[in-house]
Amino acid sequence: MESTAATNVAPVPEAEGKVEQNITPWEVESGESGIDYNKLIDQFGCTPIDEALLQRMERVTGKPVHPWLKRGLFFSHRALNEILDAAEAKQPFYLYTGRGPSSEALHLGHMIPFMFTKYLQDAFDVPLVIQMTDDEKFLWKDLTLEEAHRLTYENVKDIIAVGFDPRKTFIFSDLEYVGHMYPNIVKIQKCVTTSQVKAIFGFTDSDNIGKYAYPAVQAAPSFSSSFPHIFGRNSNVRCLIPCAIDQDPFFRMTRDVAPRIGFLKPAVIHSKFFPALQGPKTKMSASTPGSAIFMTDKPDEIKRKVAKYAFSGGRETVEEHRRLGGNCDVDVPYQYLSIFCFDDSKLNRIREEYSSGRMLTGEIKKELVDVLTPIVLEHQRARLAVTDEVVKTFLTPRRLEFGKN
């Protein structure tokens, strides 16, 4: 059994005199070179996604794995092999992911887990539940409860615009739905002590008691009986959770508690952070408009942000750049292209041209603008089609369809 007491998320020491790496569900800080994901794997005790696992996913689904798996954006997991075992045995499982509504619009970093979850839903043909944690944002942010709830509905429109199947997708607000999950929430709460919560999440005596109680709310959707209208009150269906690595403490706690209350442990698949335009030290922030490309940005704004803010791996002068070439390892335009340009040959050409110095900083930024603009505009078109009636459909508790698995 995974020990809850061993899940402390204290900062990882760096070399003397350098900034420590500190990853929690609410704060991401790194050293000068960005997040060390190998350290996180060791610290959190998760498992790297290797080539053998990717090949198995292709065999099980009969479909190519997502480019984000091949390129290492989704890089580690807990018990993904057990989900593949279930799929091969034609046993049911479901997906669970979520969003904390704290801004009017989502940015590109917010979109990644939903776009990837859409791939998983299509590849495995399984139900999906999406938790909107408006209660969490009220407890942590300077938001009224009413504003957090309103932002839920705005963010839901962005999520639906990704293209989820309404026959297989249930989206819920904690403030509206928590009563259905409450039996499981209190079971979880009874299994976790105050000292364990402090060790896992770094809470202090000055934190409000809502923060101490909240982790059980995020854990509860991992158990299928939290959705009696979908699975039944006494069900015990496997769950796979795609999320960013900073959310892992919640699910390490959940996996420790699960067998003690008679439930299967959820499996988890982790993504790396999408870097801010300014560089790799932190993840994007909805509260810092210049750090991110938002899904509401117009083409001119995308072009302006990339030109002004996107950290460059180019050299000080054109002559030096021609001679030494650009550094793709730190160049934010290239890093964004490696996520959103799915054409391998084009991406390889850009890397070769930029690294050799034949492509200049302005040119690689233009390549990025040309890739991002159609993605954002298509999302805006899809969101316009999301009516209040469509939102109501997704948020109404109901039975979901199960596919071939």
Protein backbone atom coordinates (compact mmCIF):
# COMPACT_ATOMS: atom_id res chain seq x y z
CA MET A 1 0.00 0.00 0.00
CA GLU A 2 1.22 3.50 -0.80
CA SER A 3 1.80 5.36 2.45
CA THR A 4 -0.01 8.65 2.85
CA ALA A 5 2.65 9.73 5.33
CA ALA A 6 5.28 9.43 2.61
CA THR A 7 3.63 11.84 0.19
CA ASN A 8 5.11 15.10 1.45
CA VAL A 9 5.52 17.68 -1.32
CA ALA A 10 8.27 19.71 0.33
CA PRO A 11 10.63 21.55 -2.02
CA VAL A 12 13.37 19.57 -3.72
CA PRO A 13 16.76 21.06 -2.76
CA GLU A 14 18.83 22.46 -5.60
CA ALA A 15 22.52 23.22 -5.56
CA GLU A 16 23.58 25.65 -2.85
CA GLY A 17 22.59 29.22 -3.66
CA LYS A 18 19.99 28.27 -6.25
CA VAL A 19 16.20 28.46 -6.11
CA GLU A 20 14.56 25.31 -4.82
CA GLN A 21 12.06 23.35 -6.90
CA ASN A 22 8.68 23.52 -5.19
CA ILE A 23 5.64 21.81 -6.72
CA THR A 24 2.25 21.81 -5.00
CA PRO A 25 -1.32 21.87 -6.37
CA TRP A 26 -1.33 25.66 -5.82
CA GLU A 27 2.26 26.74 -6.44
CA VAL A 28 4.91 25.86 -9.02
CA GLU A 29 8.46 27.16 -8.63
CA SER A 30 11.64 25.91 -10.23
CA GLY A 31 15.32 26.65 -10.64
CA GLU A 32 16.84 28.55 -13.54
CA SER A 33 16.61 25.59 -15.94
CA GLY A 34 12.95 24.87 -15.27
CA ILE A 35 11.22 21.87 -13.71
CA ASP A 36 13.33 18.72 -13.23
CA TYR A 37 10.74 16.07 -14.03
CA ASN A 38 13.08 13.18 -13.23
CA LYS A 39 13.32 14.55 -9.70
CA LEU A 40 9.55 14.75 -9.53
CA ILE A 41 9.21 11.12 -10.59
CA ASP A 42 11.61 10.12 -7.81
CA GLN A 43 10.01 12.46 -5.27
CA PHE A 44 6.41 11.47 -5.99
CA GLY A 45 7.15 7.80 -6.60
CA CYS A 46 5.38 7.58 -9.96
CA THR A 47 6.48 5.61 -13.05
CA PRO A 48 7.86 6.98 -16.34
CA ILE A 49 5.85 6.24 -19.49
CA ASP A 50 8.13 4.17 -21.68
CA GLU A 51 8.03 2.96 -25.26
CA ALA A 52 6.71 -0.47 -24.30
CA LEU A 53 3.69 1.12 -22.61
CA LEU A 54 3.01 3.31 -25.65
CA GLN A 55 3.14 0.29 -27.96
CA ARG A 56 0.72 -1.53 -25.68
CA MET A 57 -1.69 1.42 -25.76
CA GLU A 58 -1.68 1.25 -29.56
CA ARG A 59 -2.37 -2.48 -29.50
CA VAL A 60 -5.22 -2.13 -27.00
CA THR A 61 -6.94 0.85 -28.66
CA GLY A 62 -6.13 -0.03 -32.25
CA LYS A 63 -5.22 3.64 -32.77
CA PRO A 64 -1.96 5.63 -32.87
CA VAL A 65 -0.96 7.10 -29.53
CA HIS A 66 -1.32 10.85 -29.16
CA PRO A 67 1.72 12.94 -30.22
CA TRP A 68 1.82 14.32 -26.67
CA LEU A 69 2.60 10.81 -25.42
CA LYS A 70 5.26 10.21 -28.06
CA ARG A 71 6.86 13.60 -27.37
CA GLY A 72 6.82 13.19 -23.58
CA LEU A 73 4.34 15.93 -22.63
CA PHE A 74 2.43 13.21 -20.76
CA PHE A 75 5.38 11.53 -19.15
CA SER A 76 4.51 9.49 -16.05
CA HIS A 77 1.70 7.45 -14.56
CA ARG A 78 0.32 5.41 -11.73
CA ALA A 79 -1.16 2.01 -12.63
CA LEU A 80 -1.89 2.81 -16.29
CA ASN A 81 -1.05 -0.83 -17.02
CA GLU A 82 -4.05 -1.85 -14.88
CA ILE A 83 -6.34 0.28 -17.05
CA LEU A 84 -4.95 -1.43 -20.15
CA ASP A 85 -5.52 -4.81 -18.48
CA ALA A 86 -9.15 -3.83 -17.91
CA ALA A 87 -9.57 -2.62 -21.49
CA GLU A 88 -8.16 -5.87 -22.87
CA ALA A 89 -10.49 -7.87 -20.64
CA LYS A 90 -13.49 -5.76 -21.82
CA GLN A 91 -13.98 -4.51 -18.27
CA PRO A 92 -15.43 -1.00 -17.88
CA PHE A 93 -13.51 2.05 -16.70
CA TYR A 94 -14.13 5.78 -16.83
CA LEU A 95 -12.15 9.00 -17.09
CA TYR A 96 -12.09 11.80 -14.54
CA THR A 97 -10.49 15.22 -14.89
CA GLY A 98 -11.33 18.72 -13.72
CA ARG A 99 -10.90 22.46 -13.72
CA GLY A 100 -10.71 25.10 -11.02
CA PRO A 101 -12.66 28.08 -12.40
CA SER A 102 -10.71 31.23 -11.52
CA SER A 103 -10.74 33.20 -14.78
CA GLU A 104 -13.20 34.22 -17.50
CA ALA A 105 -11.29 32.44 -20.26
CA LEU A 106 -9.00 29.43 -20.48
CA HIS A 107 -5.48 29.70 -21.84
CA LEU A 108 -3.56 27.16 -23.91
CA GLY A 109 -2.13 25.50 -20.81
CA HIS A 110 -5.63 24.91 -19.45
CA MET A 111 -6.67 23.29 -22.72
CA ILE A 112 -4.01 20.57 -22.74
CA PRO A 113 -5.60 18.17 -20.18
CA PHE A 114 -8.99 18.53 -21.86
CA MET A 115 -7.66 18.01 -25.38
CA PHE A 116 -5.77 14.95 -24.18
CA THR A 117 -8.79 13.62 -22.28
CA LYS A 118 -10.81 13.97 -25.50
CA TYR A 119 -8.25 11.73 -27.19
CA LEU A 120 -8.56 9.17 -24.38
CA GLN A 121 -12.36 9.23 -24.52
CA ASP A 122 -12.30 8.63 -28.27
CA ALA A 123 -9.53 6.01 -28.17
CA PHE A 124 -11.09 3.89 -25.40
CA ASP A 125 -14.76 4.84 -25.98
CA VAL A 126 -15.49 5.33 -22.28
CA PRO A 127 -17.53 7.68 -20.05
CA LEU A 128 -16.00 10.86 -18.63
CA VAL A 129 -16.76 12.99 -15.58
CA ILE A 130 -15.38 16.55 -15.29
CA GLN A 131 -15.29 18.22 -11.89
CA MET A 132 -15.57 22.02 -11.66
CA THR A 133 -14.00 22.90 -8.32
CA ASP A 134 -15.72 26.23 -7.65
CA ASP A 135 -15.58 25.43 -3.91
CA GLU A 136 -11.79 25.12 -4.05
CA LYS A 137 -11.38 28.47 -5.78
CA PHE A 138 -13.58 30.17 -3.21
CA LEU A 139 -11.44 28.73 -0.41
CA TRP A 140 -8.09 29.65 -1.99
CA LYS A 141 -8.74 32.74 -4.09
CA ASP A 142 -10.12 36.22 -3.46
CA LEU A 143 -13.42 35.28 -5.10
CA THR A 144 -16.96 35.39 -3.80
CA LEU A 145 -18.85 32.12 -3.87
CA GLU A 146 -21.22 33.56 -6.46
CA GLU A 147 -18.34 34.63 -8.72
CA ALA A 148 -16.64 31.23 -8.51
CA HIS A 149 -19.92 29.59 -9.46
CA ARG A 150 -20.45 32.00 -12.37
CA LEU A 151 -16.95 31.30 -13.69
CA THR A 152 -17.78 27.59 -13.63
CA TYR A 153 -20.42 28.15 -16.30
CA GLU A 154 -18.09 30.30 -18.41
CA ASN A 155 -15.32 27.70 -18.25
CA VAL A 156 -17.74 24.86 -18.98
CA LYS A 157 -18.46 26.46 -22.36
CA ASP A 158 -14.73 26.35 -23.20
CA ILE A 159 -14.52 22.72 -22.09
CA ILE A 160 -17.55 21.64 -24.14
CA ALA A 161 -16.02 23.40 -27.17
CA VAL A 162 -13.18 20.84 -27.12
CA GLY A 163 -15.69 18.41 -28.62
CA PHE A 164 -16.63 15.96 -25.88
CA ASP A 165 -19.43 13.49 -26.61
CA PRO A 166 -22.50 14.57 -24.58
CA ARG A 167 -23.74 10.98 -24.53
CA LYS A 168 -20.61 9.96 -22.61
CA THR A 169 -19.70 13.12 -20.65
CA PHE A 170 -21.01 14.51 -17.36
CA ILE A 171 -19.74 17.89 -16.11
CA PHE A 172 -20.58 19.00 -12.58
CA SER A 173 -20.10 21.91 -10.22
CA ASP A 174 -19.03 20.91 -6.71
CA LEU A 175 -21.38 23.52 -5.29
CA GLU A 176 -24.33 21.89 -7.08
CA TYR A 177 -23.43 18.19 -7.00
CA VAL A 178 -21.54 17.61 -3.75
CA GLY A 179 -24.52 15.99 -2.00
CA HIS A 180 -24.33 12.98 -4.32
CA MET A 181 -20.65 12.49 -3.42
CA TYR A 182 -20.97 13.24 0.27
CA PRO A 183 -21.14 9.61 1.51
CA ASN A 184 -17.77 8.95 -0.14
CA ILE A 185 -16.35 12.31 0.97
CA VAL A 186 -16.92 11.57 4.65
CA LYS A 187 -15.50 8.05 4.26
CA ILE A 188 -12.33 9.57 2.84
CA GLN A 189 -12.16 12.28 5.51
CA LYS A 190 -12.38 9.70 8.29
CA CYS A 191 -9.29 7.91 6.90
CA VAL A 192 -6.95 10.92 6.71
CA THR A 193 -5.60 12.67 9.81
CA THR A 194 -4.78 16.36 10.19
CA SER A 195 -1.08 15.60 10.42
CA GLN A 196 -1.25 13.63 7.16
CA VAL A 197 -3.03 16.47 5.37
CA LYS A 198 -0.39 18.91 6.60
CA ALA A 199 2.39 16.61 5.37
CA ILE A 200 0.79 16.02 1.97
CA PHE A 201 -0.38 19.54 1.15
CA GLY A 202 1.69 21.81 3.37
CA PHE A 203 -1.26 23.33 5.22
CA THR A 204 -0.54 25.41 8.31
CA ASP A 205 -2.47 26.38 11.45
CA SER A 206 -3.44 29.66 9.78
CA ASP A 207 -5.24 27.96 6.86
CA ASN A 208 -9.01 27.88 7.00
CA ILE A 209 -10.64 24.55 7.86
CA GLY A 210 -12.23 24.39 4.41
CA LYS A 211 -8.79 23.77 2.93
CA TYR A 212 -8.25 20.83 5.26
CA ALA A 213 -11.58 19.31 4.23
CA TYR A 214 -11.29 20.00 0.50
CA PRO A 215 -8.89 17.19 -0.64
CA ALA A 216 -11.60 14.61 0.06
CA VAL A 217 -13.88 16.47 -2.36
CA GLN A 218 -11.33 16.17 -5.17
CA ALA A 219 -10.71 12.53 -4.25
CA ALA A 220 -14.37 11.44 -4.28
CA PRO A 221 -14.91 11.48 -8.09
CA SER A 222 -12.20 8.79 -8.31
CA PHE A 223 -14.82 6.33 -7.00
CA SER A 224 -17.65 5.39 -9.35
CA SER A 225 -20.28 5.22 -6.59
CA SER A 226 -20.01 9.02 -6.37
CA PHE A 227 -22.06 8.94 -9.60
CA PRO A 228 -25.02 6.67 -8.81
CA HIS A 229 -26.95 7.88 -11.87
CA ILE A 230 -24.12 6.62 -14.11
CA PHE A 231 -22.67 3.57 -12.39
CA GLY A 232 -24.96 2.76 -9.45
CA ARG A 233 -24.61 3.54 -5.73
CA ASN A 234 -22.79 0.27 -4.97
CA SER A 235 -20.54 0.24 -8.04
CA ASN A 236 -16.76 -0.12 -8.05
CA VAL A 237 -15.58 0.78 -11.56
CA ARG A 238 -11.96 1.59 -12.37
CA CYS A 239 -11.01 5.22 -12.96
CA LEU A 240 -8.23 6.87 -15.01
CA ILE A 241 -7.31 10.47 -14.17
CA PRO A 242 -5.38 12.61 -16.69
CA CYS A 243 -3.93 15.66 -14.90
CA ALA A 244 -0.88 17.86 -14.54
CA ILE A 245 1.78 16.52 -12.19
CA ASP A 246 1.05 19.19 -9.56
CA GLN A 247 -2.32 17.51 -8.87
CA ASP A 248 -0.69 14.18 -8.00
CA PRO A 249 -0.72 14.71 -4.19
CA PHE A 250 -4.52 14.50 -4.23
CA PHE A 251 -4.44 11.13 -5.90
CA ARG A 252 -1.56 9.66 -3.92
CA MET A 253 -3.80 10.31 -0.91
CA THR A 254 -6.77 8.82 -2.77
CA ARG A 255 -4.88 5.66 -3.73
CA ASP A 256 -3.82 5.17 -0.11
CA VAL A 257 -7.39 5.52 1.16
CA ALA A 258 -9.16 3.49 -1.57
CA PRO A 259 -8.58 -0.08 -0.29
CA ARG A 260 -9.42 0.98 3.27
CA ILE A 261 -12.94 1.92 2.19
CA GLY A 262 -13.39 -0.93 -0.28
CA PHE A 263 -12.71 0.80 -3.59
CA LEU A 264 -10.31 0.20 -6.48
CA LYS A 265 -7.34 2.57 -6.62
CA PRO A 266 -7.61 5.15 -9.42
CA ALA A 267 -4.93 5.20 -12.11
CA VAL A 268 -3.30 8.52 -13.02
CA ILE A 269 -1.48 9.84 -16.09
CA HIS A 270 0.57 13.02 -15.60
CA SER A 271 1.45 15.89 -17.91
CA LYS A 272 4.32 18.30 -17.66
CA PHE A 273 3.60 22.00 -17.23
CA PHE A 274 2.94 24.20 -20.22
CA PRO A 275 5.55 26.97 -19.86
CA ALA A 276 4.70 30.64 -19.62
CA LEU A 277 5.66 32.74 -22.61
CA GLN A 278 8.45 34.24 -20.51
CA GLY A 279 10.19 30.92 -19.99
CA PRO A 280 10.26 27.60 -18.13
CA LYS A 281 10.48 28.68 -14.48
CA THR A 282 6.72 28.53 -13.80
CA LYS A 283 3.51 27.38 -15.41
CA MET A 284 1.18 29.81 -17.17
CA SER A 285 -0.97 32.04 -14.96
CA ALA A 286 -4.52 33.14 -15.67
CA SER A 287 -3.86 36.21 -13.50
CA THR A 288 -0.94 37.36 -15.70
CA PRO A 289 -2.34 38.02 -19.21
CA GLY A 290 1.10 38.50 -20.75
CA SER A 291 2.20 35.04 -19.66
CA ALA A 292 -0.29 33.14 -21.78
CA ILE A 293 -2.20 32.83 -25.03
CA PHE A 294 -5.87 32.84 -24.08
CA MET A 295 -8.57 31.13 -26.10
CA THR A 296 -10.30 34.52 -26.47
CA ASP A 297 -7.26 36.24 -28.02
CA LYS A 298 -7.65 37.68 -31.51
CA PRO A 299 -5.01 37.00 -34.20
CA ASP A 300 -3.31 40.38 -33.70
CA GLU A 301 -3.10 39.78 -29.95
CA ILE A 302 -1.56 36.32 -30.46
CA LYS A 303 1.01 37.83 -32.80
CA ARG A 304 1.77 40.66 -30.36
CA LYS A 305 2.17 38.36 -27.35
CA VAL A 306 4.46 35.95 -29.17
CA ALA A 307 6.60 38.78 -30.54
CA LYS A 308 6.82 40.66 -27.22
CA TYR A 309 6.85 37.98 -24.53
CA ALA A 310 7.95 34.62 -25.97
CA PHE A 311 11.38 33.85 -24.51
CA SER A 312 13.91 33.29 -27.25
CA GLY A 313 16.77 30.84 -27.49
CA GLY A 314 18.30 32.99 -30.20
CA ARG A 315 21.60 34.84 -29.95
CA GLU A 316 22.33 38.49 -29.19
CA THR A 317 23.07 39.45 -32.79
CA VAL A 318 22.10 38.11 -36.20
CA GLU A 319 25.75 37.36 -36.96
CA GLU A 320 26.16 35.37 -33.74
CA HIS A 321 22.88 33.55 -34.36
CA ARG A 322 23.94 32.61 -37.91
CA ARG A 323 27.21 31.27 -36.53
CA LEU A 324 26.01 29.45 -33.36
CA GLY A 325 22.34 28.77 -34.06
CA GLY A 326 19.37 28.96 -31.68
CA ASN A 327 18.93 26.90 -28.54
CA CYS A 328 15.70 24.90 -28.94
CA ASP A 329 15.96 23.58 -25.38
CA VAL A 330 15.12 27.01 -23.94
CA ASP A 331 13.34 28.63 -26.87
CA VAL A 332 9.65 29.01 -25.94
CA PRO A 333 8.38 29.29 -29.55
CA TYR A 334 10.01 25.95 -30.34
CA GLN A 335 8.65 24.39 -27.14
CA TYR A 336 5.13 25.52 -28.06
CA LEU A 337 5.60 24.19 -31.59
CA SER A 338 6.69 20.83 -30.19
CA ILE A 339 3.28 20.65 -28.50
CA PHE A 340 0.92 22.08 -31.11
CA CYS A 341 2.62 21.27 -34.42
CA PHE A 342 1.65 17.63 -35.01
CA ASP A 343 3.52 17.42 -38.34
CA ASP A 344 6.74 15.61 -37.38
CA SER A 345 8.58 16.45 -40.60
CA LYS A 346 7.73 20.14 -40.29
CA LEU A 347 8.77 20.23 -36.63
CA ASN A 348 12.07 18.48 -37.44
CA ARG A 349 12.73 20.95 -40.26
CA ILE A 350 12.11 23.92 -37.95
CA ARG A 351 14.43 22.48 -35.31
CA GLU A 352 17.18 21.90 -37.85
CA GLU A 353 16.81 25.34 -39.44
CA TYR A 354 16.71 27.19 -36.12
CA SER A 355 19.51 25.19 -34.47
CA SER A 356 21.76 25.76 -37.47
CA GLY A 357 21.13 29.50 -37.47
CA ARG A 358 19.48 29.53 -40.88
CA MET A 359 16.12 30.42 -39.23
CA LEU A 360 16.06 33.60 -37.14
CA THR A 361 14.07 34.33 -33.97
CA GLY A 362 11.47 36.39 -35.83
CA GLU A 363 10.95 33.56 -38.29
CA ILE A 364 10.38 30.85 -35.68
CA LYS A 365 7.96 33.16 -33.86
CA LYS A 366 6.05 33.56 -37.13
CA GLU A 367 5.92 29.77 -37.48
CA LEU A 368 4.37 29.60 -34.02
CA VAL A 369 1.80 32.30 -34.74
CA ASP A 370 0.81 30.45 -37.92
CA VAL A 371 0.22 27.24 -35.92
CA LEU A 372 -1.55 28.75 -32.90
CA THR A 373 -3.90 31.17 -34.64
CA PRO A 374 -6.06 28.54 -36.42
CA ILE A 375 -6.30 26.50 -33.19
CA VAL A 376 -7.56 29.48 -31.18
CA LEU A 377 -9.94 30.68 -33.91
CA GLU A 378 -11.44 27.20 -34.32
CA HIS A 379 -11.99 27.02 -30.56
CA GLN A 380 -13.74 30.39 -30.62
CA ARG A 381 -16.05 29.19 -33.41
CA ALA A 382 -16.86 26.01 -31.49
CA ARG A 383 -17.55 27.94 -28.29
CA LEU A 384 -20.06 30.20 -30.04
CA ALA A 385 -22.10 27.07 -30.78
CA VAL A 386 -22.30 26.16 -27.07
CA THR A 387 -25.73 27.43 -26.03
CA ASP A 388 -27.18 27.50 -22.53
CA GLU A 389 -29.24 24.45 -23.50
CA VAL A 390 -26.08 22.56 -24.47
CA VAL A 391 -24.49 23.49 -21.13
CA LYS A 392 -27.59 22.25 -19.31
CA THR A 393 -27.36 18.91 -21.13
CA PHE A 394 -23.79 18.31 -19.98
CA LEU A 395 -24.52 19.40 -16.38
CA THR A 396 -27.67 17.31 -15.93
CA PRO A 397 -27.12 14.10 -13.90
CA ARG A 398 -28.07 11.22 -16.19
CA ARG A 399 -26.98 7.82 -17.41
CA LEU A 400 -24.03 7.80 -19.81
CA GLU A 401 -23.39 5.42 -22.63
CA PHE A 402 -20.65 2.82 -22.38
CA GLY A 403 -18.80 1.87 -25.54
CA LYS A 404 -17.24 -1.37 -26.64
CA ASN A 405 -15.04 -1.55 -23.53
